Amino acid sequence: MSNMNRSSFREHPLLTLPQIIIVLLVLGILYFTITINRRNQNGELMLEERQIVEAQVELESTRQVELIITLEYRTGDESVEDYARNEGGLLQNGEVRVKPEFVEATPAPTPEPLVTRDPILDAKPWQAWWKLLSDSPRPTQ
């Protein structure tokens, strides 16, 4: 009986040639899909990194322009003149230094507010009702 089982096993292999081809195709497609997905993710990461680097380059180029303008100002005559007048205390020929003097004044006392009598205190009850119902000024009497 054992000879019979062995011979039947030899006659019917575990996978046939078409099944092996299909398994290899499925494995190939799976490998291809995983590879493309990985490359896609790497491309997205590289795109994000590129955008970050471009933003940094733009920031640094703006900073470079600011530094160039500052350098041109600091090496120019206007900067030297500004420093000499404001920080160095120097004057050109014919200029006169004006120094403001501060005079301390004593503050005036706060005036007392005028006290006026509230007209509602002099109103009679019918006058208040008249105002509420008619929206016209109260009659005097």
N, C-alpha and C. Protein backbone atom coordinates (compact mmCIF):
# COMPACT_ATOMS: atom_id res chain seq x y z
N MET A 1 0.79 -1.19 0.00
CA MET A 1 0.00 0.00 0.00
C MET A 1 0.84 1.26 0.00
N SER A 2 1.95 1.15 0.65
CA SER A 2 2.81 2.31 0.69
C SER A 2 3.38 2.59 -0.69
N ASN A 3 3.57 1.56 -1.52
CA ASN A 3 4.05 1.77 -2.88
C ASN A 3 2.99 2.50 -3.70
N MET A 4 1.80 2.24 -3.39
CA MET A 4 0.72 2.84 -4.14
C MET A 4 0.60 4.33 -3.82
N ASN A 5 0.78 4.68 -2.57
CA ASN A 5 0.70 6.10 -2.18
C ASN A 5 1.86 6.88 -2.80
N ARG A 6 3.03 6.26 -2.85
CA ARG A 6 4.18 6.94 -3.42
C ARG A 6 4.01 7.13 -4.93
N SER A 7 3.47 6.17 -5.55
CA SER A 7 3.31 6.29 -7.00
C SER A 7 2.24 7.31 -7.33
N SER A 8 1.20 7.40 -6.54
CA SER A 8 0.16 8.40 -6.82
C SER A 8 0.70 9.81 -6.54
N PHE A 9 1.62 9.92 -5.62
CA PHE A 9 2.22 11.22 -5.31
C PHE A 9 3.11 11.66 -6.46
N ARG A 10 3.80 10.70 -7.04
CA ARG A 10 4.67 11.02 -8.16
C ARG A 10 3.87 11.37 -9.39
N GLU A 11 2.73 10.85 -9.51
CA GLU A 11 1.91 11.13 -10.69
C GLU A 11 1.24 12.50 -10.58
N HIS A 12 0.86 12.91 -9.39
CA HIS A 12 0.19 14.19 -9.18
C HIS A 12 1.08 15.10 -8.34
N PRO A 13 1.85 15.98 -8.98
CA PRO A 13 2.71 16.88 -8.21
C PRO A 13 1.87 17.90 -7.42
N LEU A 14 2.50 18.55 -6.45
CA LEU A 14 1.80 19.50 -5.59
C LEU A 14 1.24 20.66 -6.40
N LEU A 15 2.03 21.25 -7.29
CA LEU A 15 1.57 22.34 -8.16
C LEU A 15 1.86 21.98 -9.61
N THR A 16 0.93 22.32 -10.45
CA THR A 16 1.14 22.08 -11.88
C THR A 16 1.87 23.28 -12.47
N LEU A 17 2.32 23.15 -13.69
CA LEU A 17 3.06 24.22 -14.36
C LEU A 17 2.23 25.50 -14.47
N PRO A 18 0.96 25.45 -14.87
CA PRO A 18 0.17 26.70 -14.92
C PRO A 18 0.01 27.33 -13.53
N GLN A 19 -0.12 26.51 -12.49
CA GLN A 19 -0.25 27.06 -11.14
C GLN A 19 1.04 27.74 -10.70
N ILE A 20 2.18 27.13 -11.06
CA ILE A 20 3.47 27.73 -10.72
C ILE A 20 3.63 29.06 -11.44
N ILE A 21 3.21 29.11 -12.70
CA ILE A 21 3.31 30.37 -13.47
C ILE A 21 2.41 31.44 -12.85
N ILE A 22 1.21 31.07 -12.44
CA ILE A 22 0.28 32.02 -11.82
C ILE A 22 0.85 32.51 -10.49
N VAL A 23 1.41 31.63 -9.67
CA VAL A 23 1.99 32.04 -8.39
C VAL A 23 3.16 32.98 -8.64
N LEU A 24 4.00 32.67 -9.63
CA LEU A 24 5.12 33.56 -9.93
C LEU A 24 4.64 34.92 -10.43
N LEU A 25 3.58 34.93 -11.26
CA LEU A 25 3.01 36.20 -11.74
C LEU A 25 2.46 37.03 -10.57
N VAL A 26 1.73 36.38 -9.66
CA VAL A 26 1.17 37.09 -8.50
C VAL A 26 2.30 37.65 -7.64
N LEU A 27 3.35 36.84 -7.41
CA LEU A 27 4.47 37.33 -6.62
C LEU A 27 5.19 38.49 -7.33
N GLY A 28 5.32 38.40 -8.65
CA GLY A 28 5.95 39.48 -9.41
C GLY A 28 5.13 40.76 -9.34
N ILE A 29 3.81 40.62 -9.51
CA ILE A 29 2.93 41.80 -9.43
C ILE A 29 2.99 42.40 -8.03
N LEU A 30 2.99 41.58 -7.00
CA LEU A 30 3.07 42.05 -5.62
C LEU A 30 4.40 42.79 -5.40
N TYR A 31 5.51 42.22 -5.87
CA TYR A 31 6.80 42.87 -5.73
C TYR A 31 6.81 44.20 -6.48
N PHE A 32 6.27 44.21 -7.70
CA PHE A 32 6.22 45.42 -8.52
C PHE A 32 5.38 46.50 -7.83
N THR A 33 4.24 46.11 -7.26
CA THR A 33 3.37 47.06 -6.57
C THR A 33 4.05 47.66 -5.34
N ILE A 34 4.70 46.81 -4.56
CA ILE A 34 5.39 47.30 -3.36
C ILE A 34 6.53 48.23 -3.74
N THR A 35 7.27 47.90 -4.79
CA THR A 35 8.39 48.74 -5.23
C THR A 35 7.89 50.10 -5.71
N ILE A 36 6.82 50.10 -6.50
CA ILE A 36 6.27 51.38 -6.99
C ILE A 36 5.75 52.21 -5.82
N ASN A 37 5.10 51.59 -4.85
CA ASN A 37 4.59 52.31 -3.69
C ASN A 37 5.73 52.94 -2.90
N ARG A 38 6.81 52.19 -2.70
CA ARG A 38 7.96 52.70 -1.97
C ARG A 38 8.59 53.88 -2.71
N ARG A 39 8.71 53.76 -4.03
CA ARG A 39 9.28 54.85 -4.82
C ARG A 39 8.38 56.09 -4.77
N ASN A 40 7.08 55.87 -4.78
CA ASN A 40 6.13 56.98 -4.69
C ASN A 40 6.28 57.70 -3.35
N GLN A 41 6.39 56.95 -2.27
CA GLN A 41 6.56 57.56 -0.95
C GLN A 41 7.89 58.32 -0.87
N ASN A 42 8.94 57.74 -1.42
CA ASN A 42 10.24 58.43 -1.44
C ASN A 42 10.15 59.72 -2.24
N GLY A 43 9.43 59.69 -3.36
CA GLY A 43 9.26 60.89 -4.18
C GLY A 43 8.50 61.97 -3.43
N GLU A 44 7.46 61.59 -2.68
CA GLU A 44 6.71 62.56 -1.90
C GLU A 44 7.57 63.17 -0.80
N LEU A 45 8.39 62.35 -0.15
CA LEU A 45 9.29 62.87 0.88
C LEU A 45 10.31 63.84 0.28
N MET A 46 10.82 63.48 -0.89
CA MET A 46 11.79 64.36 -1.55
C MET A 46 11.13 65.68 -1.96
N LEU A 47 9.87 65.62 -2.39
CA LEU A 47 9.15 66.84 -2.77
C LEU A 47 8.95 67.74 -1.56
N GLU A 48 8.58 67.15 -0.42
CA GLU A 48 8.42 67.94 0.81
C GLU A 48 9.75 68.57 1.22
N GLU A 49 10.82 67.79 1.16
CA GLU A 49 12.14 68.32 1.51
C GLU A 49 12.55 69.43 0.56
N ARG A 50 12.22 69.28 -0.72
CA ARG A 50 12.55 70.32 -1.70
C ARG A 50 11.81 71.60 -1.39
N GLN A 51 10.53 71.50 -1.02
CA GLN A 51 9.76 72.70 -0.68
C GLN A 51 10.33 73.39 0.56
N ILE A 52 10.78 72.59 1.53
CA ILE A 52 11.39 73.17 2.73
C ILE A 52 12.68 73.90 2.37
N VAL A 53 13.50 73.26 1.54
CA VAL A 53 14.77 73.87 1.13
C VAL A 53 14.52 75.13 0.31
N GLU A 54 13.51 75.11 -0.58
CA GLU A 54 13.19 76.31 -1.36
C GLU A 54 12.75 77.45 -0.46
N ALA A 55 11.98 77.15 0.58
CA ALA A 55 11.55 78.19 1.52
C ALA A 55 12.76 78.76 2.26
N GLN A 56 13.70 77.88 2.65
CA GLN A 56 14.90 78.35 3.34
C GLN A 56 15.75 79.21 2.41
N VAL A 57 15.85 78.82 1.13
CA VAL A 57 16.63 79.59 0.17
C VAL A 57 16.01 80.98 -0.02
N GLU A 58 14.70 81.02 -0.10
CA GLU A 58 14.02 82.32 -0.26
C GLU A 58 14.25 83.20 0.96
N LEU A 59 14.17 82.61 2.15
CA LEU A 59 14.41 83.36 3.39
C LEU A 59 15.84 83.90 3.42
N GLU A 60 16.79 83.06 3.05
CA GLU A 60 18.19 83.49 3.07
C GLU A 60 18.48 84.52 1.98
N SER A 61 17.82 84.41 0.82
CA SER A 61 18.06 85.42 -0.21
C SER A 61 17.48 86.77 0.22
N THR A 62 16.35 86.76 0.93
CA THR A 62 15.79 88.00 1.47
C THR A 62 16.75 88.58 2.51
N ARG A 63 17.29 87.72 3.35
CA ARG A 63 18.25 88.16 4.36
C ARG A 63 19.50 88.73 3.70
N GLN A 64 19.93 88.11 2.60
CA GLN A 64 21.10 88.59 1.88
C GLN A 64 20.85 90.00 1.34
N VAL A 65 19.67 90.24 0.79
CA VAL A 65 19.35 91.57 0.27
C VAL A 65 19.37 92.60 1.41
N GLU A 66 18.79 92.21 2.57
CA GLU A 66 18.80 93.11 3.72
C GLU A 66 20.24 93.43 4.15
N LEU A 67 21.09 92.41 4.17
CA LEU A 67 22.49 92.63 4.56
C LEU A 67 23.24 93.51 3.56
N ILE A 68 22.95 93.33 2.28
CA ILE A 68 23.60 94.16 1.25
C ILE A 68 23.19 95.62 1.42
N ILE A 69 21.89 95.85 1.66
CA ILE A 69 21.41 97.22 1.85
C ILE A 69 22.03 97.83 3.10
N THR A 70 22.11 97.04 4.18
CA THR A 70 22.72 97.54 5.42
C THR A 70 24.19 97.85 5.19
N LEU A 71 24.89 96.99 4.46
CA LEU A 71 26.30 97.23 4.18
C LEU A 71 26.49 98.51 3.37
N GLU A 72 25.65 98.71 2.35
CA GLU A 72 25.76 99.93 1.54
C GLU A 72 25.50 101.17 2.38
N TYR A 73 24.53 101.09 3.30
CA TYR A 73 24.23 102.25 4.17
C TYR A 73 25.38 102.51 5.13
N ARG A 74 25.91 101.45 5.75
CA ARG A 74 26.96 101.61 6.75
C ARG A 74 28.27 102.11 6.15
N THR A 75 28.53 101.81 4.90
CA THR A 75 29.78 102.26 4.28
C THR A 75 29.59 103.59 3.56
N GLY A 76 28.38 104.13 3.52
CA GLY A 76 28.13 105.38 2.83
C GLY A 76 28.35 106.59 3.71
N ASP A 77 28.35 107.77 3.08
CA ASP A 77 28.57 109.03 3.79
C ASP A 77 27.41 109.35 4.74
N GLU A 78 26.21 108.95 4.36
CA GLU A 78 25.03 109.26 5.18
C GLU A 78 25.14 108.61 6.55
N SER A 79 25.63 107.38 6.60
CA SER A 79 25.78 106.68 7.87
C SER A 79 26.84 107.34 8.74
N VAL A 80 27.94 107.74 8.13
CA VAL A 80 29.01 108.39 8.88
C VAL A 80 28.52 109.72 9.45
N GLU A 81 27.81 110.49 8.63
CA GLU A 81 27.28 111.78 9.08
C GLU A 81 26.26 111.59 10.21
N ASP A 82 25.42 110.60 10.06
CA ASP A 82 24.40 110.31 11.08
C ASP A 82 25.07 109.92 12.40
N TYR A 83 26.08 109.09 12.33
CA TYR A 83 26.80 108.69 13.54
C TYR A 83 27.49 109.89 14.18
N ALA A 84 28.12 110.72 13.37
CA ALA A 84 28.86 111.87 13.89
C ALA A 84 27.92 112.85 14.60
N ARG A 85 26.75 113.07 14.06
CA ARG A 85 25.82 114.02 14.67
C ARG A 85 25.13 113.46 15.90
N ASN A 86 24.59 112.25 15.79
CA ASN A 86 23.76 111.73 16.87
C ASN A 86 24.55 111.08 17.99
N GLU A 87 25.59 110.34 17.67
CA GLU A 87 26.32 109.61 18.70
C GLU A 87 27.65 110.27 19.05
N GLY A 88 28.25 110.92 18.07
CA GLY A 88 29.55 111.54 18.32
C GLY A 88 29.45 112.97 18.83
N GLY A 89 28.30 113.61 18.63
CA GLY A 89 28.11 114.98 19.10
C GLY A 89 28.87 116.01 18.27
N LEU A 90 29.18 115.71 17.03
CA LEU A 90 29.92 116.63 16.17
C LEU A 90 28.97 117.47 15.33
N LEU A 91 29.43 118.65 14.91
CA LEU A 91 28.65 119.55 14.08
C LEU A 91 29.45 119.94 12.86
N GLN A 92 28.75 120.30 11.80
CA GLN A 92 29.43 120.83 10.62
C GLN A 92 29.60 122.34 10.81
N ASN A 93 30.40 122.94 9.94
CA ASN A 93 30.64 124.39 10.02
C ASN A 93 29.32 125.13 9.81
N GLY A 94 29.07 126.08 10.67
CA GLY A 94 27.87 126.91 10.56
C GLY A 94 26.65 126.33 11.28
N GLU A 95 26.73 125.13 11.81
CA GLU A 95 25.60 124.55 12.52
C GLU A 95 25.67 124.91 14.00
N VAL A 96 24.50 125.03 14.60
CA VAL A 96 24.41 125.34 16.02
C VAL A 96 23.60 124.23 16.68
N ARG A 97 24.11 123.74 17.79
CA ARG A 97 23.39 122.69 18.51
C ARG A 97 22.27 123.32 19.32
N VAL A 98 21.08 122.77 19.19
CA VAL A 98 19.92 123.21 19.96
C VAL A 98 19.60 122.12 20.96
N LYS A 99 19.63 122.51 22.22
CA LYS A 99 19.34 121.54 23.26
C LYS A 99 18.07 122.00 23.97
N PRO A 100 17.01 121.21 23.91
CA PRO A 100 15.78 121.64 24.56
C PRO A 100 15.91 121.54 26.08
N GLU A 101 15.31 122.51 26.73
CA GLU A 101 15.29 122.50 28.19
C GLU A 101 13.89 122.16 28.64
N PHE A 102 13.83 121.32 29.61
CA PHE A 102 12.53 120.90 30.12
C PHE A 102 12.24 121.66 31.40
N VAL A 103 11.09 122.29 31.44
CA VAL A 103 10.67 123.02 32.63
C VAL A 103 9.56 122.21 33.28
N GLU A 104 9.79 121.92 34.54
CA GLU A 104 8.77 121.15 35.24
C GLU A 104 7.71 122.10 35.77
N ALA A 105 6.49 121.80 35.45
CA ALA A 105 5.38 122.63 35.89
C ALA A 105 4.57 121.85 36.91
N THR A 106 4.00 122.59 37.85
CA THR A 106 3.14 121.92 38.83
C THR A 106 1.75 121.80 38.21
N PRO A 107 1.14 120.64 38.31
CA PRO A 107 -0.18 120.48 37.70
C PRO A 107 -1.23 121.29 38.44
N ALA A 108 -2.16 121.82 37.68
CA ALA A 108 -3.26 122.59 38.26
C ALA A 108 -4.21 121.62 38.96
N PRO A 109 -4.84 122.06 40.05
CA PRO A 109 -5.77 121.17 40.74
C PRO A 109 -6.98 120.86 39.86
N THR A 110 -7.52 119.70 40.05
CA THR A 110 -8.68 119.27 39.27
C THR A 110 -9.90 120.07 39.73
N PRO A 111 -10.63 120.69 38.79
CA PRO A 111 -11.79 121.49 39.20
C PRO A 111 -12.90 120.59 39.75
N GLU A 112 -13.62 121.10 40.68
CA GLU A 112 -14.75 120.37 41.27
C GLU A 112 -15.90 120.36 40.27
N PRO A 113 -16.53 119.21 40.07
CA PRO A 113 -17.66 119.18 39.14
C PRO A 113 -18.87 119.91 39.75
N LEU A 114 -19.63 120.56 38.85
CA LEU A 114 -20.83 121.26 39.29
C LEU A 114 -21.93 120.25 39.60
N VAL A 115 -22.55 120.42 40.72
CA VAL A 115 -23.62 119.51 41.13
C VAL A 115 -24.94 120.11 40.67
N THR A 116 -25.65 119.37 39.85
CA THR A 116 -26.98 119.81 39.40
C THR A 116 -28.02 118.86 39.98
N ARG A 117 -29.16 119.41 40.25
CA ARG A 117 -30.23 118.62 40.85
C ARG A 117 -30.89 117.80 39.75
N ASP A 118 -31.17 116.54 40.05
CA ASP A 118 -31.80 115.63 39.11
C ASP A 118 -33.26 116.04 38.93
N PRO A 119 -33.71 116.28 37.66
CA PRO A 119 -35.10 116.71 37.45
C PRO A 119 -36.12 115.63 37.81
N ILE A 120 -35.70 114.41 37.89
CA ILE A 120 -36.64 113.34 38.23
C ILE A 120 -37.10 113.48 39.67
N LEU A 121 -36.26 114.04 40.49
CA LEU A 121 -36.65 114.22 41.89
C LEU A 121 -37.80 115.21 42.02
N ASP A 122 -37.89 116.18 41.08
CA ASP A 122 -38.97 117.17 41.12
C ASP A 122 -40.20 116.70 40.35
N ALA A 123 -40.10 115.62 39.61
CA ALA A 123 -41.22 115.15 38.79
C ALA A 123 -42.29 114.52 39.65
N LYS A 124 -43.52 114.66 39.18
CA LYS A 124 -44.66 114.04 39.84
C LYS A 124 -44.92 112.70 39.15
N PRO A 125 -45.57 111.75 39.81
CA PRO A 125 -45.78 110.44 39.20
C PRO A 125 -46.50 110.49 37.87
N TRP A 126 -47.49 111.34 37.71
CA TRP A 126 -48.23 111.38 36.45
C TRP A 126 -47.34 111.87 35.31
N GLN A 127 -46.33 112.69 35.60
CA GLN A 127 -45.42 113.17 34.56
C GLN A 127 -44.52 112.03 34.06
N ALA A 128 -44.10 111.15 34.96
CA ALA A 128 -43.29 110.00 34.55
C ALA A 128 -44.10 109.07 33.66
N TRP A 129 -45.38 108.84 34.03
CA TRP A 129 -46.24 108.00 33.20
C TRP A 129 -46.47 108.65 31.85
N TRP A 130 -46.64 109.96 31.84
CA TRP A 130 -46.86 110.69 30.59
C TRP A 130 -45.66 110.48 29.65
N LYS A 131 -44.44 110.55 30.19
CA LYS A 131 -43.22 110.35 29.40
C LYS A 131 -43.14 108.93 28.85
N LEU A 132 -43.49 107.94 29.67
CA LEU A 132 -43.41 106.55 29.23
C LEU A 132 -44.44 106.24 28.15
N LEU A 133 -45.64 106.78 28.28
CA LEU A 133 -46.72 106.44 27.35
C LEU A 133 -46.68 107.25 26.06
N SER A 134 -46.22 108.48 26.11
CA SER A 134 -46.34 109.33 24.93
C SER A 134 -45.01 109.64 24.25
N ASP A 135 -43.90 109.38 24.87
CA ASP A 135 -42.57 109.69 24.32
C ASP A 135 -42.41 111.17 23.99
N SER A 136 -43.12 111.98 24.67
CA SER A 136 -42.99 113.42 24.49
C SER A 136 -42.52 114.02 25.79
N PRO A 137 -41.95 115.24 25.75
CA PRO A 137 -41.49 115.81 27.00
C PRO A 137 -42.64 116.00 27.99
N ARG A 138 -42.28 115.92 29.23
CA ARG A 138 -43.32 116.02 30.26
C ARG A 138 -43.87 117.44 30.32
N PRO A 139 -45.15 117.56 30.50
CA PRO A 139 -45.72 118.91 30.64
C PRO A 139 -45.34 119.49 31.98
N THR A 140 -45.21 120.78 32.01
CA THR A 140 -44.86 121.43 33.26
C THR A 140 -46.14 121.89 33.95
N GLN A 141 -46.22 121.65 35.22
CA GLN A 141 -47.35 122.14 36.00
C GLN A 141 -47.24 121.56 37.38
